[in-house]
């Protein structure tokens, strides 16, 4: 009985000892195009007359719907209708268009066009 058990054990273990091993090589290729993320921003404008203006800080524009307040950033440009930079301070009553992105308190003013 002992001899049969040893023979069976050897018969079961022998294939494992003579088994061939192989390696699998996986090659990963890329086409060179990366997925892109597109962010779309919409520029809106408000037209009206200047109520108050603090250079480099804020502008309040009176519109048909009421007063609209805007914070001016360091990149905000103030130009005339021809696109020339306005160096003088804006005066109350001047007609302007304020171009901005965002809504509510997150409005970022891009440019102010003086229409007078």
N, C-alpha and C. Protein backbone atom coordinates (compact mmCIF):
# COMPACT_ATOMS: atom_id res chain seq x y z
N UNK A 1 0.81 -1.18 0.00
CA UNK A 1 0.00 0.00 0.00
C UNK A 1 0.86 1.26 0.00
N UNK A 2 1.90 1.23 0.77
CA UNK A 2 2.82 2.34 0.85
C UNK A 2 3.45 2.59 -0.51
N UNK A 3 3.77 1.52 -1.21
CA UNK A 3 4.40 1.60 -2.51
C UNK A 3 3.45 2.24 -3.53
N UNK A 4 2.18 1.97 -3.45
CA UNK A 4 1.20 2.53 -4.38
C UNK A 4 1.05 4.03 -4.12
N UNK A 5 1.03 4.42 -2.88
CA UNK A 5 0.89 5.84 -2.54
C UNK A 5 2.10 6.63 -3.02
N UNK A 6 3.29 6.08 -2.84
CA UNK A 6 4.51 6.75 -3.29
C UNK A 6 4.52 6.85 -4.81
N UNK A 7 4.10 5.82 -5.50
CA UNK A 7 4.06 5.82 -6.96
C UNK A 7 3.06 6.84 -7.47
N UNK A 8 1.89 6.89 -6.85
CA UNK A 8 0.89 7.89 -7.26
C UNK A 8 1.37 9.32 -6.99
N UNK A 9 2.02 9.53 -5.88
CA UNK A 9 2.55 10.85 -5.55
C UNK A 9 3.60 11.27 -6.57
N UNK A 10 4.48 10.35 -6.93
CA UNK A 10 5.51 10.65 -7.95
C UNK A 10 4.86 10.91 -9.30
N UNK A 11 3.83 10.16 -9.62
CA UNK A 11 3.15 10.33 -10.90
C UNK A 11 2.45 11.69 -10.97
N UNK A 12 1.95 12.17 -9.85
CA UNK A 12 1.28 13.47 -9.83
C UNK A 12 2.28 14.63 -9.81
N UNK A 13 3.41 14.46 -9.20
CA UNK A 13 4.40 15.54 -9.08
C UNK A 13 5.30 15.61 -10.31
N UNK A 14 5.56 14.53 -11.01
CA UNK A 14 6.47 14.49 -12.15
C UNK A 14 6.11 15.48 -13.25
N UNK A 15 4.85 15.62 -13.66
CA UNK A 15 4.56 16.58 -14.73
C UNK A 15 4.90 18.02 -14.34
N UNK A 16 4.78 18.32 -13.06
CA UNK A 16 5.12 19.67 -12.62
C UNK A 16 6.61 19.93 -12.72
N UNK A 17 7.42 18.96 -12.47
CA UNK A 17 8.86 19.11 -12.54
C UNK A 17 9.36 19.25 -13.97
N UNK A 18 8.69 18.62 -14.94
CA UNK A 18 9.12 18.69 -16.33
C UNK A 18 8.34 19.71 -17.16
N UNK A 19 7.51 20.48 -16.52
CA UNK A 19 6.68 21.45 -17.25
C UNK A 19 7.56 22.56 -17.81
N UNK A 20 7.21 23.01 -18.99
CA UNK A 20 7.95 24.10 -19.62
C UNK A 20 7.34 25.42 -19.18
N UNK A 21 8.21 26.35 -19.00
CA UNK A 21 7.73 27.68 -18.65
C UNK A 21 7.92 28.58 -19.86
N UNK A 22 7.09 29.51 -20.00
CA UNK A 22 7.20 30.44 -21.13
C UNK A 22 7.00 31.86 -20.63
N UNK A 23 7.41 32.80 -21.45
CA UNK A 23 7.20 34.20 -21.10
C UNK A 23 6.29 34.83 -22.14
N UNK A 24 5.49 35.70 -21.68
CA UNK A 24 4.59 36.43 -22.57
C UNK A 24 5.04 37.87 -22.61
N UNK A 25 5.25 38.38 -23.80
CA UNK A 25 5.65 39.76 -23.97
C UNK A 25 4.46 40.56 -24.46
N UNK A 26 4.15 41.60 -23.74
CA UNK A 26 3.06 42.48 -24.13
C UNK A 26 3.65 43.80 -24.58
N UNK A 27 3.28 44.21 -25.76
CA UNK A 27 3.79 45.46 -26.30
C UNK A 27 2.64 46.45 -26.37
N UNK A 28 2.85 47.61 -25.76
CA UNK A 28 1.81 48.63 -25.73
C UNK A 28 2.25 49.77 -26.64
N UNK A 29 1.42 50.11 -27.57
CA UNK A 29 1.76 51.20 -28.48
C UNK A 29 0.75 52.32 -28.33
N UNK A 30 1.22 53.51 -28.54
CA UNK A 30 0.33 54.67 -28.51
C UNK A 30 0.39 55.37 -29.85
N UNK A 31 -0.68 56.01 -30.20
CA UNK A 31 -0.75 56.66 -31.50
C UNK A 31 -0.23 58.09 -31.47
N UNK A 32 0.07 58.59 -30.31
CA UNK A 32 0.61 59.96 -30.22
C UNK A 32 -0.46 61.01 -29.96
N UNK A 33 -1.71 60.64 -29.99
CA UNK A 33 -2.74 61.63 -29.70
C UNK A 33 -3.18 61.45 -28.26
N UNK A 34 -3.19 62.53 -27.55
CA UNK A 34 -3.62 62.52 -26.17
C UNK A 34 -5.04 63.05 -26.09
N UNK A 35 -5.82 62.56 -25.16
CA UNK A 35 -7.16 63.13 -25.00
C UNK A 35 -7.06 64.58 -24.56
N UNK A 36 -7.91 65.43 -25.10
CA UNK A 36 -7.86 66.84 -24.77
C UNK A 36 -9.12 67.25 -24.02
N UNK A 37 -8.95 68.24 -23.20
CA UNK A 37 -10.07 68.79 -22.47
C UNK A 37 -10.31 70.19 -23.00
N UNK A 38 -11.52 70.46 -23.40
CA UNK A 38 -11.86 71.76 -23.94
C UNK A 38 -12.73 72.50 -22.94
N UNK A 39 -12.29 73.69 -22.59
CA UNK A 39 -13.07 74.53 -21.70
C UNK A 39 -13.58 75.70 -22.52
N UNK A 40 -14.86 75.91 -22.46
CA UNK A 40 -15.45 76.97 -23.26
C UNK A 40 -15.95 78.07 -22.32
N UNK A 41 -15.53 79.30 -22.59
CA UNK A 41 -16.00 80.43 -21.81
C UNK A 41 -16.79 81.35 -22.71
N UNK A 42 -17.79 81.96 -22.15
CA UNK A 42 -18.63 82.87 -22.90
C UNK A 42 -18.44 84.27 -22.36
N UNK A 43 -18.16 85.20 -23.27
CA UNK A 43 -18.01 86.59 -22.89
C UNK A 43 -19.34 87.30 -23.07
N UNK A 44 -19.75 88.00 -22.04
CA UNK A 44 -21.00 88.74 -22.04
C UNK A 44 -20.68 90.21 -21.85
N UNK A 45 -21.58 91.09 -22.28
CA UNK A 45 -21.34 92.50 -22.02
C UNK A 45 -22.57 93.16 -21.45
N UNK A 46 -22.32 94.22 -20.72
CA UNK A 46 -23.37 95.06 -20.18
C UNK A 46 -23.11 96.46 -20.67
N UNK A 47 -24.14 97.11 -21.21
CA UNK A 47 -24.01 98.47 -21.71
C UNK A 47 -24.80 99.41 -20.81
N UNK A 48 -24.25 100.59 -20.61
CA UNK A 48 -24.93 101.59 -19.79
C UNK A 48 -24.04 102.80 -19.58
N UNK A 49 -24.35 103.57 -18.55
CA UNK A 49 -23.55 104.76 -18.24
C UNK A 49 -22.82 104.54 -16.92
N UNK A 50 -21.66 105.15 -16.81
CA UNK A 50 -20.84 105.01 -15.61
C UNK A 50 -21.50 105.77 -14.46
N UNK A 51 -21.70 105.08 -13.34
CA UNK A 51 -22.20 105.74 -12.13
C UNK A 51 -21.02 106.16 -11.26
N UNK A 52 -20.17 105.18 -10.94
CA UNK A 52 -18.95 105.46 -10.19
C UNK A 52 -17.81 104.64 -10.79
N UNK A 53 -16.61 105.18 -10.64
CA UNK A 53 -15.44 104.51 -11.19
C UNK A 53 -14.27 104.77 -10.27
N UNK A 54 -13.62 103.70 -9.82
CA UNK A 54 -12.39 103.78 -9.06
C UNK A 54 -11.33 103.10 -9.90
N UNK A 55 -10.35 103.88 -10.43
CA UNK A 55 -9.35 103.29 -11.34
C UNK A 55 -8.65 102.07 -10.73
N UNK A 56 -8.62 101.00 -11.52
CA UNK A 56 -7.95 99.77 -11.11
C UNK A 56 -8.70 98.94 -10.09
N UNK A 57 -9.89 99.39 -9.66
CA UNK A 57 -10.61 98.65 -8.62
C UNK A 57 -12.02 98.28 -9.05
N UNK A 58 -12.91 99.26 -9.18
CA UNK A 58 -14.31 98.95 -9.48
C UNK A 58 -14.91 99.94 -10.47
N UNK A 59 -15.98 99.49 -11.10
CA UNK A 59 -16.80 100.35 -11.95
C UNK A 59 -18.25 99.93 -11.71
N UNK A 60 -19.12 100.94 -11.55
CA UNK A 60 -20.55 100.68 -11.41
C UNK A 60 -21.22 101.29 -12.63
N UNK A 61 -21.99 100.46 -13.34
CA UNK A 61 -22.63 100.89 -14.58
C UNK A 61 -24.14 100.86 -14.36
N UNK A 62 -24.80 101.98 -14.70
CA UNK A 62 -26.25 102.05 -14.62
C UNK A 62 -26.82 101.54 -15.94
N UNK A 63 -27.63 100.47 -15.87
CA UNK A 63 -28.23 99.87 -17.06
C UNK A 63 -29.74 100.03 -16.99
N UNK A 64 -30.43 99.52 -18.02
CA UNK A 64 -31.89 99.54 -18.01
C UNK A 64 -32.46 98.70 -16.88
N UNK A 65 -31.70 97.71 -16.42
CA UNK A 65 -32.16 96.81 -15.37
C UNK A 65 -31.71 97.24 -13.99
N UNK A 66 -30.97 98.33 -13.88
CA UNK A 66 -30.44 98.79 -12.60
C UNK A 66 -28.94 98.89 -12.62
N UNK A 67 -28.36 99.07 -11.45
CA UNK A 67 -26.91 99.23 -11.34
C UNK A 67 -26.22 97.87 -11.35
N UNK A 68 -25.10 97.81 -12.06
CA UNK A 68 -24.28 96.59 -12.10
C UNK A 68 -22.87 96.96 -11.68
N UNK A 69 -22.34 96.26 -10.69
CA UNK A 69 -21.01 96.55 -10.17
C UNK A 69 -20.03 95.51 -10.69
N UNK A 70 -18.84 95.97 -11.06
CA UNK A 70 -17.80 95.09 -11.59
C UNK A 70 -16.49 95.39 -10.90
N UNK A 71 -15.72 94.34 -10.64
CA UNK A 71 -14.37 94.49 -10.09
C UNK A 71 -13.40 94.42 -11.25
N UNK A 72 -12.52 95.42 -11.34
CA UNK A 72 -11.54 95.47 -12.43
C UNK A 72 -10.27 94.74 -12.00
N UNK A 73 -9.79 93.84 -12.84
CA UNK A 73 -8.56 93.11 -12.56
C UNK A 73 -7.35 93.83 -13.14
N UNK A 74 -6.20 93.26 -12.94
CA UNK A 74 -4.96 93.86 -13.46
C UNK A 74 -4.86 93.73 -14.98
N UNK A 75 -5.59 92.79 -15.59
CA UNK A 75 -5.52 92.60 -17.03
C UNK A 75 -6.66 93.30 -17.78
N UNK A 76 -7.52 94.02 -17.05
CA UNK A 76 -8.64 94.71 -17.69
C UNK A 76 -8.12 95.86 -18.54
N UNK A 77 -8.63 95.92 -19.79
CA UNK A 77 -8.24 97.01 -20.70
C UNK A 77 -9.42 97.96 -20.85
N UNK A 78 -9.13 99.25 -20.81
CA UNK A 78 -10.15 100.27 -21.06
C UNK A 78 -9.75 100.93 -22.37
N UNK A 79 -10.63 100.80 -23.40
CA UNK A 79 -10.32 101.28 -24.74
C UNK A 79 -11.48 102.11 -25.27
N UNK A 80 -11.20 102.87 -26.32
CA UNK A 80 -12.27 103.61 -26.99
C UNK A 80 -12.84 102.75 -28.12
N UNK A 81 -13.79 103.31 -28.87
CA UNK A 81 -14.44 102.56 -29.94
C UNK A 81 -13.49 102.08 -31.02
N UNK A 82 -12.36 102.78 -31.22
CA UNK A 82 -11.38 102.39 -32.23
C UNK A 82 -10.35 101.39 -31.71
N UNK A 83 -10.42 101.07 -30.41
CA UNK A 83 -9.48 100.11 -29.83
C UNK A 83 -8.26 100.73 -29.20
N UNK A 84 -8.18 102.07 -29.15
CA UNK A 84 -7.05 102.75 -28.51
C UNK A 84 -7.24 102.79 -27.00
N UNK A 85 -6.17 102.63 -26.28
CA UNK A 85 -6.24 102.59 -24.82
C UNK A 85 -6.59 103.99 -24.30
N UNK A 86 -7.54 104.02 -23.37
CA UNK A 86 -7.97 105.26 -22.73
C UNK A 86 -7.13 105.45 -21.48
N UNK A 87 -6.44 106.59 -21.40
CA UNK A 87 -5.57 106.84 -20.25
C UNK A 87 -6.24 107.71 -19.20
N UNK A 88 -7.25 108.46 -19.58
CA UNK A 88 -7.93 109.32 -18.60
C UNK A 88 -8.96 108.50 -17.81
N UNK A 89 -9.26 108.99 -16.63
CA UNK A 89 -10.23 108.30 -15.78
C UNK A 89 -11.63 108.43 -16.37
N UNK A 90 -12.44 107.41 -16.18
CA UNK A 90 -13.82 107.45 -16.66
C UNK A 90 -14.61 108.41 -15.77
N UNK A 91 -15.56 109.12 -16.40
CA UNK A 91 -16.39 110.09 -15.69
C UNK A 91 -17.82 109.58 -15.58
N UNK A 92 -18.52 109.93 -14.52
CA UNK A 92 -19.93 109.57 -14.42
C UNK A 92 -20.70 110.11 -15.62
N UNK A 93 -21.58 109.30 -16.17
CA UNK A 93 -22.38 109.69 -17.32
C UNK A 93 -21.82 109.20 -18.65
N UNK A 94 -20.57 108.76 -18.69
CA UNK A 94 -20.00 108.24 -19.93
C UNK A 94 -20.65 106.91 -20.28
N UNK A 95 -20.93 106.72 -21.58
CA UNK A 95 -21.52 105.45 -22.04
C UNK A 95 -20.40 104.44 -22.26
N UNK A 96 -20.60 103.24 -21.72
CA UNK A 96 -19.59 102.18 -21.81
C UNK A 96 -20.25 100.84 -22.06
N UNK A 97 -19.43 99.92 -22.54
CA UNK A 97 -19.79 98.50 -22.60
C UNK A 97 -18.73 97.76 -21.80
N UNK A 98 -19.18 96.96 -20.86
CA UNK A 98 -18.26 96.19 -20.02
C UNK A 98 -18.36 94.73 -20.45
N UNK A 99 -17.27 94.19 -20.98
CA UNK A 99 -17.22 92.80 -21.43
C UNK A 99 -16.62 91.96 -20.29
N UNK A 100 -17.34 90.90 -19.90
CA UNK A 100 -16.90 90.08 -18.77
C UNK A 100 -17.24 88.62 -19.01
N UNK A 101 -16.59 87.76 -18.22
CA UNK A 101 -16.91 86.33 -18.20
C UNK A 101 -17.35 85.97 -16.80
N UNK A 102 -18.13 84.92 -16.68
CA UNK A 102 -18.60 84.48 -15.38
C UNK A 102 -19.92 85.11 -15.01
N UNK A 103 -20.40 84.78 -13.82
CA UNK A 103 -21.67 85.30 -13.34
C UNK A 103 -21.56 85.69 -11.87
N UNK A 104 -22.49 86.50 -11.43
CA UNK A 104 -22.55 86.87 -10.01
C UNK A 104 -21.27 87.52 -9.52
N UNK A 105 -20.78 87.04 -8.40
CA UNK A 105 -19.56 87.60 -7.81
C UNK A 105 -18.29 87.10 -8.48
N UNK A 106 -18.42 86.17 -9.43
CA UNK A 106 -17.24 85.61 -10.09
C UNK A 106 -17.03 86.24 -11.47
N UNK A 107 -17.61 87.41 -11.72
CA UNK A 107 -17.44 88.07 -13.02
C UNK A 107 -16.02 88.63 -13.14
N UNK A 108 -15.36 88.28 -14.23
CA UNK A 108 -14.02 88.79 -14.50
C UNK A 108 -14.10 89.72 -15.71
N UNK A 109 -13.80 91.01 -15.50
CA UNK A 109 -13.89 92.00 -16.57
C UNK A 109 -12.68 91.87 -17.46
N UNK A 110 -12.94 91.70 -18.78
CA UNK A 110 -11.86 91.60 -19.75
C UNK A 110 -11.52 92.97 -20.33
N UNK A 111 -12.57 93.72 -20.73
CA UNK A 111 -12.31 95.05 -21.28
C UNK A 111 -13.54 95.94 -21.11
N UNK A 112 -13.29 97.24 -21.13
CA UNK A 112 -14.34 98.24 -21.06
C UNK A 112 -14.16 99.09 -22.31
N UNK A 113 -15.22 99.23 -23.10
CA UNK A 113 -15.18 100.07 -24.30
C UNK A 113 -15.96 101.34 -24.01
N UNK A 114 -15.27 102.48 -24.09
CA UNK A 114 -15.91 103.77 -23.90
C UNK A 114 -16.54 104.17 -25.21
N UNK A 115 -17.84 104.46 -25.21
CA UNK A 115 -18.56 104.74 -26.44
C UNK A 115 -18.65 106.22 -26.75
N UNK A 116 -18.34 107.11 -25.84
CA UNK A 116 -18.39 108.55 -26.09
C UNK A 116 -17.07 109.06 -26.60
